[in-house]
Amino acid sequence: MPKGNNDGFFNLVFEVVKLIPKGRVTSYGAIANYLGSAKSSRMVGWAMNSTHNLPDKIPAHRVVNRNGLLTGKVHFSHIDMMQKLLEAEGLTIENDQIKDFKSFFWDPTNELSI
């Protein structure tokens, strides 16, 4: 993670992620775009990686890459935890990718007002 104070940006990311409905997913880039930082999807990933240190429950398992791949799965307590959480919400995962990703995609820019 880069040095500096990212708390403000990370907190904005967390607030968006808390709004993702169960059974839906979004991407790092979609969150970055919604927050007006379209080129900051990597920072959204860093924010998701930091959620395991937070007292509040952030549903980080609902954030995937732009193709629906579970690229963040290595940051969970168990390598298959992200997949199990998504499957518990009704999604099907094949080869670390959400099947029918577009039908489960939640775009904060379309779903939320700024």
PDB file of N, CA and C in Angstrom:
ATOM      1  N   MET A   1       0.850  -1.173   0.000  1.00  0.00           N
ATOM      2  CA  MET A   1       0.000   0.000   0.000  1.00  0.00           C
ATOM      3  C   MET A   1       0.899   1.239   0.000  1.00  0.00           C
ATOM      4  N   PRO A   2       0.549   2.255  -0.764  1.00  0.00           N
ATOM      5  CA  PRO A   2       1.365   3.456  -0.786  1.00  0.00           C
ATOM      6  C   PRO A   2       1.314   4.179   0.547  1.00  0.00           C
ATOM      7  N   LYS A   3       2.372   4.902   0.819  1.00  0.00           N
ATOM      8  CA  LYS A   3       2.409   5.676   2.058  1.00  0.00           C
ATOM      9  C   LYS A   3       1.524   6.902   1.915  1.00  0.00           C
ATOM     10  N   GLY A   4       1.096   7.425   3.021  1.00  0.00           N
ATOM     11  CA  GLY A   4       0.239   8.601   3.001  1.00  0.00           C
ATOM     12  C   GLY A   4      -1.064   8.296   3.702  1.00  0.00           C
ATOM     13  N   ASN A   5      -1.906   9.300   3.800  1.00  0.00           N
ATOM     14  CA  ASN A   5      -3.175   9.132   4.488  1.00  0.00           C
ATOM     15  C   ASN A   5      -4.271   8.846   3.476  1.00  0.00           C
ATOM     16  N   ASN A   6      -4.678   7.601   3.403  1.00  0.00           N
ATOM     17  CA  ASN A   6      -5.746   7.190   2.502  1.00  0.00           C
ATOM     18  C   ASN A   6      -7.054   6.988   3.244  1.00  0.00           C
ATOM     19  N   ASP A   7      -7.082   7.333   4.537  1.00  0.00           N
ATOM     20  CA  ASP A   7      -8.267   7.054   5.348  1.00  0.00           C
ATOM     21  C   ASP A   7      -9.540   7.630   4.747  1.00  0.00           C
ATOM     22  N   GLY A   8      -9.494   8.858   4.250  1.00  0.00           N
ATOM     23  CA  GLY A   8     -10.692   9.478   3.685  1.00  0.00           C
ATOM     24  C   GLY A   8     -11.221   8.714   2.491  1.00  0.00           C
ATOM     25  N   PHE A   9     -10.340   8.375   1.559  1.00  0.00           N
ATOM     26  CA  PHE A   9     -10.754   7.617   0.376  1.00  0.00           C
ATOM     27  C   PHE A   9     -11.235   6.228   0.781  1.00  0.00           C
ATOM     28  N   PHE A  10     -10.482   5.567   1.642  1.00  0.00           N
ATOM     29  CA  PHE A  10     -10.867   4.221   2.087  1.00  0.00           C
ATOM     30  C   PHE A  10     -12.241   4.242   2.745  1.00  0.00           C
ATOM     31  N   ASN A  11     -12.499   5.233   3.591  1.00  0.00           N
ATOM     32  CA  ASN A  11     -13.807   5.314   4.252  1.00  0.00           C
ATOM     33  C   ASN A  11     -14.939   5.510   3.248  1.00  0.00           C
ATOM     34  N   LEU A  12     -14.690   6.289   2.195  1.00  0.00           N
ATOM     35  CA  LEU A  12     -15.698   6.442   1.144  1.00  0.00           C
ATOM     36  C   LEU A  12     -15.948   5.108   0.447  1.00  0.00           C
ATOM     37  N   VAL A  13     -14.878   4.374   0.171  1.00  0.00           N
ATOM     38  CA  VAL A  13     -15.006   3.046  -0.437  1.00  0.00           C
ATOM     39  C   VAL A  13     -15.845   2.146   0.464  1.00  0.00           C
ATOM     40  N   PHE A  14     -15.529   2.127   1.752  1.00  0.00           N
ATOM     41  CA  PHE A  14     -16.258   1.273   2.691  1.00  0.00           C
ATOM     42  C   PHE A  14     -17.748   1.596   2.697  1.00  0.00           C
ATOM     43  N   GLU A  15     -18.082   2.889   2.649  1.00  0.00           N
ATOM     44  CA  GLU A  15     -19.489   3.282   2.668  1.00  0.00           C
ATOM     45  C   GLU A  15     -20.214   2.787   1.426  1.00  0.00           C
ATOM     46  N   VAL A  16     -19.559   2.824   0.281  1.00  0.00           N
ATOM     47  CA  VAL A  16     -20.173   2.304  -0.947  1.00  0.00           C
ATOM     48  C   VAL A  16     -20.344   0.792  -0.847  1.00  0.00           C
ATOM     49  N   VAL A  17     -19.311   0.098  -0.395  1.00  0.00           N
ATOM     50  CA  VAL A  17     -19.353  -1.368  -0.319  1.00  0.00           C
ATOM     51  C   VAL A  17     -20.455  -1.830   0.626  1.00  0.00           C
ATOM     52  N   LYS A  18     -20.683  -1.104   1.702  1.00  0.00           N
ATOM     53  CA  LYS A  18     -21.757  -1.469   2.640  1.00  0.00           C
ATOM     54  C   LYS A  18     -23.131  -1.422   1.980  1.00  0.00           C
ATOM     55  N   LEU A  19     -23.258  -0.689   0.873  1.00  0.00           N
ATOM     56  CA  LEU A  19     -24.545  -0.529   0.199  1.00  0.00           C
ATOM     57  C   LEU A  19     -24.814  -1.584  -0.874  1.00  0.00           C
ATOM     58  N   ILE A  20     -23.821  -2.405  -1.192  1.00  0.00           N
ATOM     59  CA  ILE A  20     -24.014  -3.448  -2.207  1.00  0.00           C
ATOM     60  C   ILE A  20     -25.005  -4.464  -1.650  1.00  0.00           C
ATOM     61  N   PRO A  21     -26.104  -4.677  -2.343  1.00  0.00           N
ATOM     62  CA  PRO A  21     -27.105  -5.632  -1.832  1.00  0.00           C
ATOM     63  C   PRO A  21     -26.583  -7.069  -1.827  1.00  0.00           C
ATOM     64  N   LYS A  22     -27.096  -7.870  -0.924  1.00  0.00           N
ATOM     65  CA  LYS A  22     -26.760  -9.298  -0.908  1.00  0.00           C
ATOM     66  C   LYS A  22     -27.128  -9.890  -2.257  1.00  0.00           C
ATOM     67  N   GLY A  23     -26.273 -10.776  -2.733  1.00  0.00           N
ATOM     68  CA  GLY A  23     -26.531 -11.428  -4.012  1.00  0.00           C
ATOM     69  C   GLY A  23     -26.128 -10.611  -5.216  1.00  0.00           C
ATOM     70  N   ARG A  24     -25.498  -9.467  -4.989  1.00  0.00           N
ATOM     71  CA  ARG A  24     -25.022  -8.598  -6.072  1.00  0.00           C
ATOM     72  C   ARG A  24     -23.538  -8.349  -5.860  1.00  0.00           C
ATOM     73  N   VAL A  25     -22.851  -7.970  -6.916  1.00  0.00           N
ATOM     74  CA  VAL A  25     -21.420  -7.674  -6.844  1.00  0.00           C
ATOM     75  C   VAL A  25     -21.113  -6.444  -7.675  1.00  0.00           C
ATOM     76  N   THR A  26     -19.984  -5.834  -7.367  1.00  0.00           N
ATOM     77  CA  THR A  26     -19.503  -4.714  -8.169  1.00  0.00           C
ATOM     78  C   THR A  26     -18.006  -4.892  -8.369  1.00  0.00           C
ATOM     79  N   SER A  27     -17.410  -3.968  -9.089  1.00  0.00           N
ATOM     80  CA  SER A  27     -15.977  -4.072  -9.375  1.00  0.00           C
ATOM     81  C   SER A  27     -15.217  -2.935  -8.699  1.00  0.00           C
ATOM     82  N   TYR A  28     -13.926  -3.152  -8.576  1.00  0.00           N
ATOM     83  CA  TYR A  28     -13.046  -2.116  -8.024  1.00  0.00           C
ATOM     84  C   TYR A  28     -13.184  -0.839  -8.850  1.00  0.00           C
ATOM     85  N   GLY A  29     -13.169  -1.001 -10.163  1.00  0.00           N
ATOM     86  CA  GLY A  29     -13.257   0.147 -11.070  1.00  0.00           C
ATOM     87  C   GLY A  29     -14.574   0.882 -10.981  1.00  0.00           C
ATOM     88  N   ALA A  30     -15.671   0.152 -10.805  1.00  0.00           N
ATOM     89  CA  ALA A  30     -16.979   0.801 -10.699  1.00  0.00           C
ATOM     90  C   ALA A  30     -17.052   1.670  -9.445  1.00  0.00           C
ATOM     91  N   ILE A  31     -16.460   1.187  -8.362  1.00  0.00           N
ATOM     92  CA  ILE A  31     -16.434   1.987  -7.129  1.00  0.00           C
ATOM     93  C   ILE A  31     -15.568   3.224  -7.332  1.00  0.00           C
ATOM     94  N   ALA A  32     -14.385   3.026  -7.908  1.00  0.00           N
ATOM     95  CA  ALA A  32     -13.482   4.160  -8.159  1.00  0.00           C
ATOM     96  C   ALA A  32     -14.160   5.203  -9.043  1.00  0.00           C
ATOM     97  N   ASN A  33     -14.825   4.753 -10.085  1.00  0.00           N
ATOM     98  CA  ASN A  33     -15.523   5.660 -10.990  1.00  0.00           C
ATOM     99  C   ASN A  33     -16.613   6.431 -10.252  1.00  0.00           C
ATOM    100  N   TYR A  34     -17.385   5.746  -9.450  1.00  0.00           N
ATOM    101  CA  TYR A  34     -18.448   6.390  -8.682  1.00  0.00           C
ATOM    102  C   TYR A  34     -17.891   7.479  -7.764  1.00  0.00           C
ATOM    103  N   LEU A  35     -16.724   7.212  -7.202  1.00  0.00           N
ATOM    104  CA  LEU A  35     -16.117   8.181  -6.273  1.00  0.00           C
ATOM    105  C   LEU A  35     -15.358   9.296  -6.992  1.00  0.00           C
ATOM    106  N   GLY A  36     -15.424   9.304  -8.320  1.00  0.00           N
ATOM    107  CA  GLY A  36     -14.776  10.367  -9.084  1.00  0.00           C
ATOM    108  C   GLY A  36     -13.290  10.165  -9.265  1.00  0.00           C
ATOM    109  N   SER A  37     -12.817   8.958  -9.056  1.00  0.00           N
ATOM    110  CA  SER A  37     -11.393   8.628  -9.190  1.00  0.00           C
ATOM    111  C   SER A  37     -11.246   7.404 -10.089  1.00  0.00           C
ATOM    112  N   ALA A  38     -11.677   7.546 -11.334  1.00  0.00           N
ATOM    113  CA  ALA A  38     -11.771   6.410 -12.250  1.00  0.00           C
ATOM    114  C   ALA A  38     -10.481   5.606 -12.374  1.00  0.00           C
ATOM    115  N   LYS A  39      -9.344   6.226 -12.167  1.00  0.00           N
ATOM    116  CA  LYS A  39      -8.073   5.507 -12.306  1.00  0.00           C
ATOM    117  C   LYS A  39      -7.558   4.956 -10.974  1.00  0.00           C
ATOM    118  N   SER A  40      -8.418   4.893  -9.986  1.00  0.00           N
ATOM    119  CA  SER A  40      -7.998   4.466  -8.653  1.00  0.00           C
ATOM    120  C   SER A  40      -8.539   3.099  -8.248  1.00  0.00           C
ATOM    121  N   SER A  41      -8.793   2.236  -9.219  1.00  0.00           N
ATOM    122  CA  SER A  41      -9.337   0.915  -8.864  1.00  0.00           C
ATOM    123  C   SER A  41      -8.363   0.120  -8.005  1.00  0.00           C
ATOM    124  N   ARG A  42      -7.071   0.322  -8.204  1.00  0.00           N
ATOM    125  CA  ARG A  42      -6.081  -0.371  -7.376  1.00  0.00           C
ATOM    126  C   ARG A  42      -6.202   0.078  -5.915  1.00  0.00           C
ATOM    127  N   MET A  43      -6.457   1.367  -5.695  1.00  0.00           N
ATOM    128  CA  MET A  43      -6.635   1.847  -4.315  1.00  0.00           C
ATOM    129  C   MET A  43      -7.898   1.264  -3.695  1.00  0.00           C
ATOM    130  N   VAL A  44      -8.926   1.048  -4.504  1.00  0.00           N
ATOM    131  CA  VAL A  44     -10.132   0.392  -3.991  1.00  0.00           C
ATOM    132  C   VAL A  44      -9.765  -1.016  -3.533  1.00  0.00           C
ATOM    133  N   GLY A  45      -8.915  -1.693  -4.297  1.00  0.00           N
ATOM    134  CA  GLY A  45      -8.436  -3.019  -3.905  1.00  0.00           C
ATOM    135  C   GLY A  45      -7.675  -2.974  -2.595  1.00  0.00           C
ATOM    136  N   TRP A  46      -6.834  -1.970  -2.424  1.00  0.00           N
ATOM    137  CA  TRP A  46      -6.095  -1.829  -1.159  1.00  0.00           C
ATOM    138  C   TRP A  46      -7.063  -1.596  -0.011  1.00  0.00           C
ATOM    139  N   ALA A  47      -8.105  -0.812  -0.269  1.00  0.00           N
ATOM    140  CA  ALA A  47      -9.118  -0.580   0.771  1.00  0.00           C
ATOM    141  C   ALA A  47      -9.789  -1.898   1.152  1.00  0.00           C
ATOM    142  N   MET A  48     -10.132  -2.702   0.150  1.00  0.00           N
ATOM    143  CA  MET A  48     -10.770  -3.992   0.431  1.00  0.00           C
ATOM    144  C   MET A  48      -9.834  -4.899   1.225  1.00  0.00           C
ATOM    145  N   ASN A  49      -8.560  -4.861   0.907  1.00  0.00           N
ATOM    146  CA  ASN A  49      -7.576  -5.676   1.616  1.00  0.00           C
ATOM    147  C   ASN A  49      -7.457  -5.263   3.077  1.00  0.00           C
ATOM    148  N   SER A  50      -7.733  -4.008   3.378  1.00  0.00           N
ATOM    149  CA  SER A  50      -7.591  -3.527   4.752  1.00  0.00           C
ATOM    150  C   SER A  50      -8.822  -3.800   5.615  1.00  0.00           C
ATOM    151  N   THR A  51      -9.881  -4.328   5.034  1.00  0.00           N
ATOM    152  CA  THR A  51     -11.126  -4.502   5.797  1.00  0.00           C
ATOM    153  C   THR A  51     -11.016  -5.526   6.912  1.00  0.00           C
ATOM    154  N   HIS A  52     -10.083  -6.471   6.800  1.00  0.00           N
ATOM    155  CA  HIS A  52      -9.975  -7.487   7.852  1.00  0.00           C
ATOM    156  C   HIS A  52      -9.480  -6.901   9.175  1.00  0.00           C
ATOM    157  N   ASN A  53      -8.991  -5.673   9.150  1.00  0.00           N
ATOM    158  CA  ASN A  53      -8.521  -5.008  10.366  1.00  0.00           C
ATOM    159  C   ASN A  53      -9.581  -4.104  10.994  1.00  0.00           C
ATOM    160  N   LEU A  54     -10.751  -4.050  10.388  1.00  0.00           N
ATOM    161  CA  LEU A  54     -11.781  -3.116  10.851  1.00  0.00           C
ATOM    162  C   LEU A  54     -12.783  -3.788  11.786  1.00  0.00           C
ATOM    163  N   PRO A  55     -13.299  -3.018  12.754  1.00  0.00           N
ATOM    164  CA  PRO A  55     -14.319  -3.577  13.636  1.00  0.00           C
ATOM    165  C   PRO A  55     -15.673  -3.718  12.924  1.00  0.00           C
ATOM    166  N   ASP A  56     -15.959  -2.815  11.975  1.00  0.00           N
ATOM    167  CA  ASP A  56     -17.210  -2.900  11.215  1.00  0.00           C
ATOM    168  C   ASP A  56     -17.096  -3.987  10.155  1.00  0.00           C
ATOM    169  N   LYS A  57     -18.201  -4.634   9.889  1.00  0.00           N
ATOM    170  CA  LYS A  57     -18.222  -5.680   8.877  1.00  0.00           C
ATOM    171  C   LYS A  57     -18.426  -5.035   7.505  1.00  0.00           C
ATOM    172  N   ILE A  58     -17.443  -5.183   6.644  1.00  0.00           N
ATOM    173  CA  ILE A  58     -17.515  -4.667   5.283  1.00  0.00           C
ATOM    174  C   ILE A  58     -17.624  -5.873   4.353  1.00  0.00           C
ATOM    175  N   PRO A  59     -18.656  -5.963   3.519  1.00  0.00           N
ATOM    176  CA  PRO A  59     -18.816  -7.132   2.651  1.00  0.00           C
ATOM    177  C   PRO A  59     -17.859  -7.101   1.447  1.00  0.00           C
ATOM    178  N   ALA A  60     -16.579  -7.196   1.733  1.00  0.00           N
ATOM    179  CA  ALA A  60     -15.536  -7.112   0.698  1.00  0.00           C
ATOM    180  C   ALA A  60     -15.660  -8.225  -0.326  1.00  0.00           C
ATOM    181  N   HIS A  61     -16.304  -9.329   0.032  1.00  0.00           N
ATOM    182  CA  HIS A  61     -16.462 -10.437  -0.912  1.00  0.00           C
ATOM    183  C   HIS A  61     -17.320 -10.050  -2.111  1.00  0.00           C
ATOM    184  N   ARG A  62     -18.056  -8.958  -2.017  1.00  0.00           N
ATOM    185  CA  ARG A  62     -18.916  -8.514  -3.111  1.00  0.00           C
ATOM    186  C   ARG A  62     -18.193  -7.618  -4.113  1.00  0.00           C
ATOM    187  N   VAL A  63     -16.892  -7.441  -3.944  1.00  0.00           N
ATOM    188  CA  VAL A  63     -16.109  -6.607  -4.860  1.00  0.00           C
ATOM    189  C   VAL A  63     -15.117  -7.499  -5.598  1.00  0.00           C
ATOM    190  N   VAL A  64     -15.231  -7.499  -6.922  1.00  0.00           N
ATOM    191  CA  VAL A  64     -14.422  -8.366  -7.777  1.00  0.00           C
ATOM    192  C   VAL A  64     -13.801  -7.527  -8.899  1.00  0.00           C
ATOM    193  N   ASN A  65     -13.042  -8.181  -9.764  1.00  0.00           N
ATOM    194  CA  ASN A  65     -12.471  -7.401 -10.857  1.00  0.00           C
ATOM    195  C   ASN A  65     -13.507  -7.196 -11.966  1.00  0.00           C
ATOM    196  N   ARG A  66     -13.149  -6.454 -12.975  1.00  0.00           N
ATOM    197  CA  ARG A  66     -14.101  -6.046 -14.023  1.00  0.00           C
ATOM    198  C   ARG A  66     -14.655  -7.199 -14.839  1.00  0.00           C
ATOM    199  N   ASN A  67     -14.031  -8.362 -14.740  1.00  0.00           N
ATOM    200  CA  ASN A  67     -14.503  -9.539 -15.461  1.00  0.00           C
ATOM    201  C   ASN A  67     -15.227 -10.534 -14.552  1.00  0.00           C
ATOM    202  N   GLY A  68     -15.419 -10.150 -13.304  1.00  0.00           N
ATOM    203  CA  GLY A  68     -16.097 -11.035 -12.363  1.00  0.00           C
ATOM    204  C   GLY A  68     -15.187 -12.073 -11.731  1.00  0.00           C
ATOM    205  N   LEU A  69     -13.876 -11.883 -11.848  1.00  0.00           N
ATOM    206  CA  LEU A  69     -12.917 -12.807 -11.242  1.00  0.00           C
ATOM    207  C   LEU A  69     -12.715 -12.487  -9.763  1.00  0.00           C
ATOM    208  N   LEU A  70     -12.568 -13.518  -8.960  1.00  0.00           N
ATOM    209  CA  LEU A  70     -12.360 -13.351  -7.519  1.00  0.00           C
ATOM    210  C   LEU A  70     -10.883 -13.093  -7.240  1.00  0.00           C
ATOM    211  N   THR A  71     -10.373 -11.989  -7.734  1.00  0.00           N
ATOM    212  CA  THR A  71      -8.948 -11.683  -7.598  1.00  0.00           C
ATOM    213  C   THR A  71      -8.553 -11.370  -6.163  1.00  0.00           C
ATOM    214  N   GLY A  72      -9.492 -10.975  -5.324  1.00  0.00           N
ATOM    215  CA  GLY A  72      -9.181 -10.654  -3.940  1.00  0.00           C
ATOM    216  C   GLY A  72      -9.247 -11.832  -2.987  1.00  0.00           C
ATOM    217  N   LYS A  73      -9.501 -13.026  -3.496  1.00  0.00           N
ATOM    218  CA  LYS A  73      -9.715 -14.187  -2.630  1.00  0.00           C
ATOM    219  C   LYS A  73      -8.524 -14.510  -1.748  1.00  0.00           C
ATOM    220  N   VAL A  74      -7.330 -14.146  -2.168  1.00  0.00           N
ATOM    221  CA  VAL A  74      -6.126 -14.455  -1.384  1.00  0.00           C
ATOM    222  C   VAL A  74      -6.053 -13.638  -0.093  1.00  0.00           C
ATOM    223  N   HIS A  75      -6.865 -12.605   0.014  1.00  0.00           N
ATOM    224  CA  HIS A  75      -6.831 -11.742   1.193  1.00  0.00           C
ATOM    225  C   HIS A  75      -7.839 -12.144   2.266  1.00  0.00           C
ATOM    226  N   PHE A  76      -8.571 -13.226   2.018  1.00  0.00           N
ATOM    227  CA  PHE A  76      -9.521 -13.721   3.008  1.00  0.00           C
ATOM    228  C   PHE A  76      -8.836 -14.746   3.903  1.00  0.00           C
ATOM    229  N   SER A  77      -9.450 -15.044   5.029  1.00  0.00           N
ATOM    230  CA  SER A  77      -8.833 -15.952   6.002  1.00  0.00           C
ATOM    231  C   SER A  77      -8.585 -17.342   5.426  1.00  0.00           C
ATOM    232  N   HIS A  78      -9.418 -17.770   4.510  1.00  0.00           N
ATOM    233  CA  HIS A  78      -9.244 -19.045   3.812  1.00  0.00           C
ATOM    234  C   HIS A  78      -9.377 -18.763   2.321  1.00  0.00           C
ATOM    235  N   ILE A  79      -8.615 -19.453   1.508  1.00  0.00           N
ATOM    236  CA  ILE A  79      -8.583 -19.200   0.070  1.00  0.00           C
ATOM    237  C   ILE A  79      -9.945 -19.363  -0.596  1.00  0.00           C
ATOM    238  N   ASP A  80     -10.826 -20.177  -0.015  1.00  0.00           N
ATOM    239  CA  ASP A  80     -12.144 -20.382  -0.624  1.00  0.00           C
ATOM    240  C   ASP A  80     -13.264 -19.600   0.072  1.00  0.00           C
ATOM    241  N   MET A  81     -12.918 -18.763   1.038  1.00  0.00           N
ATOM    242  CA  MET A  81     -13.926 -18.032   1.811  1.00  0.00           C
ATOM    243  C   MET A  81     -14.737 -17.061   0.939  1.00  0.00           C
ATOM    244  N   MET A  82     -14.088 -16.334   0.054  1.00  0.00           N
ATOM    245  CA  MET A  82     -14.795 -15.381  -0.803  1.00  0.00           C
ATOM    246  C   MET A  82     -15.837 -16.105  -1.645  1.00  0.00           C
ATOM    247  N   GLN A  83     -15.435 -17.223  -2.231  1.00  0.00           N
ATOM    248  CA  GLN A  83     -16.348 -18.002  -3.051  1.00  0.00           C
ATOM    249  C   GLN A  83     -17.520 -18.522  -2.220  1.00  0.00           C
ATOM    250  N   LYS A  84     -17.241 -19.035  -1.037  1.00  0.00           N
ATOM    251  CA  LYS A  84     -18.308 -19.571  -0.188  1.00  0.00           C
ATOM    252  C   LYS A  84     -19.301 -18.484   0.210  1.00  0.00           C
ATOM    253  N   LEU A  85     -18.806 -17.296   0.525  1.00  0.00           N
ATOM    254  CA  LEU A  85     -19.695 -16.195   0.890  1.00  0.00           C
ATOM    255  C   LEU A  85     -20.599 -15.804  -0.279  1.00  0.00           C
ATOM    256  N   LEU A  86     -20.034 -15.744  -1.479  1.00  0.00           N
ATOM    257  CA  LEU A  86     -20.835 -15.398  -2.656  1.00  0.00           C
ATOM    258  C   LEU A  86     -21.842 -16.498  -2.989  1.00  0.00           C
ATOM    259  N   GLU A  87     -21.416 -17.733  -2.882  1.00  0.00           N
ATOM    260  CA  GLU A  87     -22.336 -18.843  -3.147  1.00  0.00           C
ATOM    261  C   GLU A  87     -23.479 -18.865  -2.137  1.00  0.00           C
ATOM    262  N   ALA A  88     -23.192 -18.497  -0.897  1.00  0.00           N
ATOM    263  CA  ALA A  88     -24.235 -18.431   0.134  1.00  0.00           C
ATOM    264  C   ALA A  88     -25.275 -17.362  -0.200  1.00  0.00           C
ATOM    265  N   GLU A  89     -24.893 -16.396  -1.044  1.00  0.00           N
ATOM    266  CA  GLU A  89     -25.811 -15.340  -1.467  1.00  0.00           C
ATOM    267  C   GLU A  89     -26.474 -15.667  -2.806  1.00  0.00           C
ATOM    268  N   GLY A  90     -26.238 -16.881  -3.319  1.00  0.00           N
ATOM    269  CA  GLY A  90     -26.933 -17.325  -4.521  1.00  0.00           C
ATOM    270  C   GLY A  90     -26.156 -17.234  -5.823  1.00  0.00           C
ATOM    271  N   LEU A  91     -24.906 -16.809  -5.782  1.00  0.00           N
ATOM    272  CA  LEU A  91     -24.112 -16.722  -7.000  1.00  0.00           C
ATOM    273  C   LEU A  91     -23.418 -18.050  -7.266  1.00  0.00           C
ATOM    274  N   THR A  92     -23.153 -18.312  -8.522  1.00  0.00           N
ATOM    275  CA  THR A  92     -22.425 -19.512  -8.917  1.00  0.00           C
ATOM    276  C   THR A  92     -21.037 -19.096  -9.365  1.00  0.00           C
ATOM    277  N   ILE A  93     -20.024 -19.787  -8.857  1.00  0.00           N
ATOM    278  CA  ILE A  93     -18.631 -19.486  -9.185  1.00  0.00           C
ATOM    279  C   ILE A  93     -18.044 -20.689  -9.914  1.00  0.00           C
ATOM    280  N   GLU A  94     -17.433 -20.426 -11.050  1.00  0.00           N
ATOM    281  CA  GLU A  94     -16.733 -21.466 -11.790  1.00  0.00           C
ATOM    282  C   GLU A  94     -15.343 -20.972 -12.133  1.00  0.00           C
ATOM    283  N   ASN A  95     -14.325 -21.726 -11.728  1.00  0.00           N
ATOM    284  CA  ASN A  95     -12.934 -21.349 -11.995  1.00  0.00           C
ATOM    285  C   ASN A  95     -12.626 -19.927 -11.515  1.00  0.00           C
ATOM    286  N   ASP A  96     -13.044 -19.626 -10.298  1.00  0.00           N
ATOM    287  CA  ASP A  96     -12.806 -18.322  -9.669  1.00  0.00           C
ATOM    288  C   ASP A  96     -13.492 -17.158 -10.380  1.00  0.00           C
ATOM    289  N   GLN A  97     -14.516 -17.430 -11.155  1.00  0.00           N
ATOM    290  CA  GLN A  97     -15.236 -16.370 -11.863  1.00  0.00           C
ATOM    291  C   GLN A  97     -16.735 -16.528 -11.635  1.00  0.00           C
ATOM    292  N   ILE A  98     -17.411 -15.390 -11.463  1.00  0.00           N
ATOM    293  CA  ILE A  98     -18.853 -15.392 -11.249  1.00  0.00           C
ATOM    294  C   ILE A  98     -19.545 -15.718 -12.568  1.00  0.00           C
ATOM    295  N   LYS A  99     -20.350 -16.759 -12.533  1.00  0.00           N
ATOM    296  CA  LYS A  99     -21.112 -17.138 -13.721  1.00  0.00           C
ATOM    297  C   LYS A  99     -22.235 -16.120 -13.908  1.00  0.00           C
ATOM    298  N   ASP A 100     -22.466 -15.709 -15.143  1.00  0.00           N
ATOM    299  CA  ASP A 100     -23.479 -14.696 -15.468  1.00  0.00           C
ATOM    300  C   ASP A 100     -23.213 -13.391 -14.717  1.00  0.00           C
ATOM    301  N   PHE A 101     -21.949 -13.013 -14.671  1.00  0.00           N
ATOM    302  CA  PHE A 101     -21.502 -11.832 -13.924  1.00  0.00           C
ATOM    303  C   PHE A 101     -22.356 -10.604 -14.204  1.00  0.00           C
ATOM    304  N   LYS A 102     -22.647 -10.339 -15.470  1.00  0.00           N
ATOM    305  CA  LYS A 102     -23.384  -9.115 -15.817  1.00  0.00           C
ATOM    306  C   LYS A 102     -24.766  -9.062 -15.177  1.00  0.00           C
ATOM    307  N   SER A 103     -25.378 -10.211 -14.973  1.00  0.00           N
ATOM    308  CA  SER A 103     -26.719 -10.197 -14.380  1.00  0.00           C
ATOM    309  C   SER A 103     -26.687  -9.920 -12.871  1.00  0.00           C
ATOM    310  N   PHE A 104     -25.527 -10.070 -12.250  1.00  0.00           N
ATOM    311  CA  PHE A 104     -25.393  -9.801 -10.812  1.00  0.00           C
ATOM    312  C   PHE A 104     -24.661  -8.488 -10.524  1.00  0.00           C
ATOM    313  N   PHE A 105     -24.194  -7.843 -11.590  1.00  0.00           N
ATOM    314  CA  PHE A 105     -23.383  -6.633 -11.430  1.00  0.00           C
ATOM    315  C   PHE A 105     -24.228  -5.470 -10.920  1.00  0.00           C
ATOM    316  N   TRP A 106     -23.715  -4.814  -9.911  1.00  0.00           N
ATOM    317  CA  TRP A 106     -24.356  -3.652  -9.289  1.00  0.00           C
ATOM    318  C   TRP A 106     -23.435  -2.458  -9.518  1.00  0.00           C
ATOM    319  N   ASP A 107     -23.898  -1.478 -10.277  1.00  0.00           N
ATOM    320  CA  ASP A 107     -23.077  -0.309 -10.588  1.00  0.00           C
ATOM    321  C   ASP A 107     -23.496   0.851  -9.697  1.00  0.00           C
ATOM    322  N   PRO A 108     -22.625   1.262  -8.781  1.00  0.00           N
ATOM    323  CA  PRO A 108     -23.022   2.339  -7.864  1.00  0.00           C
ATOM    324  C   PRO A 108     -23.381   3.638  -8.572  1.00  0.00           C
ATOM    325  N   THR A 109     -22.792   3.880  -9.741  1.00  0.00           N
ATOM    326  CA  THR A 109     -23.115   5.104 -10.474  1.00  0.00           C
ATOM    327  C   THR A 109     -24.570   5.113 -10.917  1.00  0.00           C
ATOM    328  N   ASN A 110     -25.097   3.944 -11.250  1.00  0.00           N
ATOM    329  CA  ASN A 110     -26.501   3.851 -11.660  1.00  0.00           C
ATOM    330  C   ASN A 110     -27.446   3.662 -10.483  1.00  0.00           C
ATOM    331  N   GLU A 111     -26.959   3.084  -9.397  1.00  0.00           N
ATOM    332  CA  GLU A 111     -27.820   2.721  -8.269  1.00  0.00           C
ATOM    333  C   GLU A 111     -27.875   3.772  -7.161  1.00  0.00           C
ATOM    334  N   LEU A 112     -26.858   4.613  -7.077  1.00  0.00           N
ATOM    335  CA  LEU A 112     -26.773   5.603  -6.000  1.00  0.00           C
ATOM    336  C   LEU A 112     -26.741   7.008  -6.571  1.00  0.00           C
ATOM    337  N   SER A 113     -27.226   7.962  -5.812  1.00  0.00           N
ATOM    338  CA  SER A 113     -27.045   9.354  -6.201  1.00  0.00           C
ATOM    339  C   SER A 113     -25.887   9.919  -5.422  1.00  0.00           C
ATOM    340  N   ILE A 114     -25.118  10.702  -6.082  1.00  0.00           N
ATOM    341  CA  ILE A 114     -23.928  11.288  -5.437  1.00  0.00           C
ATOM    342  C   ILE A 114     -24.331  12.385  -4.486  1.00  0.00           C
TER     343      ILE A 114
END
